[in-house]
C-alpha atoms as a PDB file:
ATOM      1  CA  SER A   1     -21.082  32.659  45.770  1.00  0.00           C
ATOM      2  CA  GLN A   2     -19.906  31.457  42.403  1.00  0.00           C
ATOM      3  CA  ARG A   3     -17.541  33.493  40.199  1.00  0.00           C
ATOM      4  CA  GLU A   4     -18.011  33.750  36.455  1.00  0.00           C
ATOM      5  CA  GLY A   5     -15.914  31.227  34.513  1.00  0.00           C
ATOM      6  CA  GLU A   6     -16.328  28.503  37.127  1.00  0.00           C
ATOM      7  CA  GLU A   7     -18.294  25.320  36.230  1.00  0.00           C
ATOM      8  CA  GLY A   8     -21.839  25.639  37.228  1.00  0.00           C
ATOM      9  CA  ALA A   9     -21.854  29.406  37.075  1.00  0.00           C
ATOM     10  CA  VAL A  10     -25.035  30.829  35.529  1.00  0.00           C
ATOM     11  CA  PRO A  11     -24.208  33.619  32.955  1.00  0.00           C
ATOM     12  CA  GLY A  12     -26.454  36.740  32.838  1.00  0.00           C
ATOM     13  CA  PRO A  13     -29.049  37.073  30.201  1.00  0.00           C
ATOM     14  CA  ASP A  14     -27.258  39.834  28.389  1.00  0.00           C
ATOM     15  CA  LEU A  15     -24.258  37.586  28.049  1.00  0.00           C
ATOM     16  CA  VAL A  16     -26.332  34.704  26.759  1.00  0.00           C
ATOM     17  CA  ALA A  17     -27.884  37.000  24.170  1.00  0.00           C
ATOM     18  CA  ALA A  18     -24.525  38.289  23.083  1.00  0.00           C
ATOM     19  CA  MET A  19     -23.065  34.766  22.810  1.00  0.00           C
ATOM     20  CA  ALA A  20     -26.064  33.547  20.780  1.00  0.00           C
ATOM     21  CA  GLU A  21     -25.763  36.480  18.384  1.00  0.00           C
ATOM     22  CA  GLN A  22     -22.099  35.911  17.929  1.00  0.00           C
ATOM     23  CA  PHE A  23     -22.627  32.194  17.330  1.00  0.00           C
ATOM     24  CA  ALA A  24     -25.340  32.926  14.747  1.00  0.00           C
ATOM     25  CA  GLU A  25     -23.040  35.424  12.989  1.00  0.00           C
ATOM     26  CA  SER A  26     -20.125  32.957  12.932  1.00  0.00           C
ATOM     27  CA  ALA A  27     -22.307  30.208  11.587  1.00  0.00           C
ATOM     28  CA  ASN A  28     -23.546  32.514   8.764  1.00  0.00           C
ATOM     29  CA  ASN A  29     -19.937  33.355   7.992  1.00  0.00           C
ATOM     30  CA  VAL A  30     -18.914  29.692   7.806  1.00  0.00           C
ATOM     31  CA  ILE A  31     -21.815  28.921   5.376  1.00  0.00           C
ATOM     32  CA  ILE A  32     -20.874  31.935   3.212  1.00  0.00           C
ATOM     33  CA  GLU A  33     -17.246  30.984   3.128  1.00  0.00           C
ATOM     34  CA  GLU A  34     -18.001  27.450   2.136  1.00  0.00           C
ATOM     35  CA  VAL A  35     -20.135  28.599  -0.717  1.00  0.00           C
ATOM     36  CA  ASN A  36     -17.426  31.007  -1.943  1.00  0.00           C
ATOM     37  CA  LYS A  37     -14.537  28.615  -1.579  1.00  0.00           C
ATOM     38  CA  GLY A  38     -16.102  25.754  -3.525  1.00  0.00           C
ATOM     39  CA  LEU A  39     -14.026  22.660  -2.654  1.00  0.00           C
ATOM     40  CA  ASN A  40     -12.414  22.603   0.832  1.00  0.00           C
ATOM     41  CA  PRO A  41      -8.601  22.175   0.486  1.00  0.00           C
ATOM     42  CA  GLY A  42      -8.670  19.501   3.246  1.00  0.00           C
ATOM     43  CA  MET A  43     -11.243  17.551   1.203  1.00  0.00           C
ATOM     44  CA  ILE A  44      -9.035  17.789  -1.940  1.00  0.00           C
ATOM     45  CA  VAL A  45      -6.101  16.342   0.033  1.00  0.00           C
ATOM     46  CA  LEU A  46      -8.360  13.579   1.366  1.00  0.00           C
ATOM     47  CA  LEU A  47      -9.596  12.671  -2.057  1.00  0.00           C
ATOM     48  CA  VAL A  48      -6.056  12.635  -3.503  1.00  0.00           C
ATOM     49  CA  VAL A  49      -4.783  10.330  -0.772  1.00  0.00           C
ATOM     50  CA  ALA A  50      -7.718   8.066  -0.869  1.00  0.00           C
ATOM     51  CA  THR A  51      -7.588   7.827  -4.698  1.00  0.00           C
ATOM     52  CA  THR A  52      -3.818   7.071  -4.602  1.00  0.00           C
ATOM     53  CA  LEU A  53      -4.291   4.304  -1.970  1.00  0.00           C
ATOM     54  CA  LEU A  54      -7.166   2.769  -3.909  1.00  0.00           C
ATOM     55  CA  LEU A  55      -5.223   2.716  -7.133  1.00  0.00           C
ATOM     56  CA  PHE A  56      -2.136   1.219  -5.279  1.00  0.00           C
ATOM     57  CA  PHE A  57      -4.214  -1.700  -3.896  1.00  0.00           C
ATOM     58  CA  VAL A  58      -6.106  -2.302  -7.103  1.00  0.00           C
ATOM     59  CA  GLY A  59      -2.880  -2.333  -8.985  1.00  0.00           C
ATOM     60  CA  ASN A  60      -1.240  -4.736  -6.558  1.00  0.00           C
ATOM     61  CA  TYR A  61      -4.247  -7.107  -6.754  1.00  0.00           C
ATOM     62  CA  ALA A  62      -4.143  -7.028 -10.506  1.00  0.00           C
ATOM     63  CA  LEU A  63      -0.447  -7.813 -10.479  1.00  0.00           C
ATOM     64  CA  TYR A  64      -1.040 -10.603  -8.015  1.00  0.00           C
ATOM     65  CA  LEU A  65      -3.701 -12.202 -10.247  1.00  0.00           C
ATOM     66  CA  TYR A  66      -1.460 -11.856 -13.341  1.00  0.00           C
ATOM     67  CA  ALA A  67       1.471 -13.511 -11.454  1.00  0.00           C
ATOM     68  CA  GLN A  68      -0.795 -16.306 -10.297  1.00  0.00           C
ATOM     69  CA  LYS A  69      -1.732 -17.137 -13.867  1.00  0.00           C
ATOM     70  CA  THR A  70       1.630 -16.721 -15.601  1.00  0.00           C
ATOM     71  CA  LEU A  71       4.451 -17.655 -13.192  1.00  0.00           C
ATOM     72  CA  PRO A  72       5.213 -21.382 -12.743  1.00  0.00           C
ATOM     73  CA  PRO A  73       4.473 -22.893  -9.320  1.00  0.00           C
ATOM     74  CA  LYS A  74       7.157 -22.490  -6.753  1.00  0.00           C
ATOM     75  CA  LYS A  75       9.660 -25.327  -6.460  1.00  0.00           C
ATOM     76  CA  LYS A  76       9.555 -27.173  -3.088  1.00  0.00           C
ATOM     77  CA  LYS A  77      12.638 -26.980  -0.922  1.00  0.00           C
ATOM     78  CA  PRO A  78      14.742 -30.178  -0.956  1.00  0.00           C
ATOM     79  CA  VAL A  79      14.148 -32.245   2.140  1.00  0.00           C
ATOM     80  CA  SER A  80      17.238 -32.764   4.168  1.00  0.00           C
ATOM     81  CA  LYS A  81      18.830 -36.251   4.577  1.00  0.00           C
ATOM     82  CA  LYS A  82      18.223 -35.996   8.416  1.00  0.00           C
ATOM     83  CA  LYS A  83      14.512 -35.472   7.807  1.00  0.00           C
ATOM     84  CA  LEU A  84      14.380 -38.398   5.307  1.00  0.00           C
ATOM     85  CA  LYS A  85      15.990 -40.731   7.801  1.00  0.00           C
ATOM     86  CA  ARG A  86      13.594 -39.639  10.540  1.00  0.00           C
ATOM     87  CA  GLU A  87      10.606 -40.166   8.266  1.00  0.00           C
ATOM     88  CA  LYS A  88      11.848 -43.713   7.253  1.00  0.00           C
ATOM     89  CA  LEU A  89      12.318 -44.540  10.939  1.00  0.00           C
ATOM     90  CA  LYS A  90       8.833 -43.350  11.780  1.00  0.00           C
ATOM     91  CA  GLN A  91       7.291 -45.419   8.961  1.00  0.00           C
ATOM     92  CA  GLY A  92       9.425 -48.582   9.918  1.00  0.00           C
ATOM     93  CA  VAL A  93       8.499 -48.623  13.605  1.00  0.00           C
ATOM     94  CA  SER A  94       4.993 -49.884  14.118  1.00  0.00           C
ATOM     95  CA  ALA A  95       2.724 -47.975  16.469  1.00  0.00           C
ATOM     96  CA  PRO A  96       2.445 -49.375  19.968  1.00  0.00           C
ATOM     97  CA  GLY A  97      -0.443 -51.734  20.572  1.00  0.00           C
ATOM     98  CA  GLU A  98      -0.477 -53.076  17.008  1.00  0.00           C
END
């Protein structure tokens, strides 16, 4: 014997009809509310956030392109004396087998 509320319990036909009617009513209410409200507040927030992010990235890209055109190229870091010595040694020593 299965009790109501347990998984696999079969609800009576009157309960099914009542639930179906309640569901239909709530669906109608949702549709009516949406029509009356106009724009959903959640949707407005989403649009504002998305627009702000889009403008931010477009602005950053525009500034990046402008900087690439106008700024002089970066100066290279000076190579340390140790590295210069190491490079000279490498060039001076012939590879084995030659």
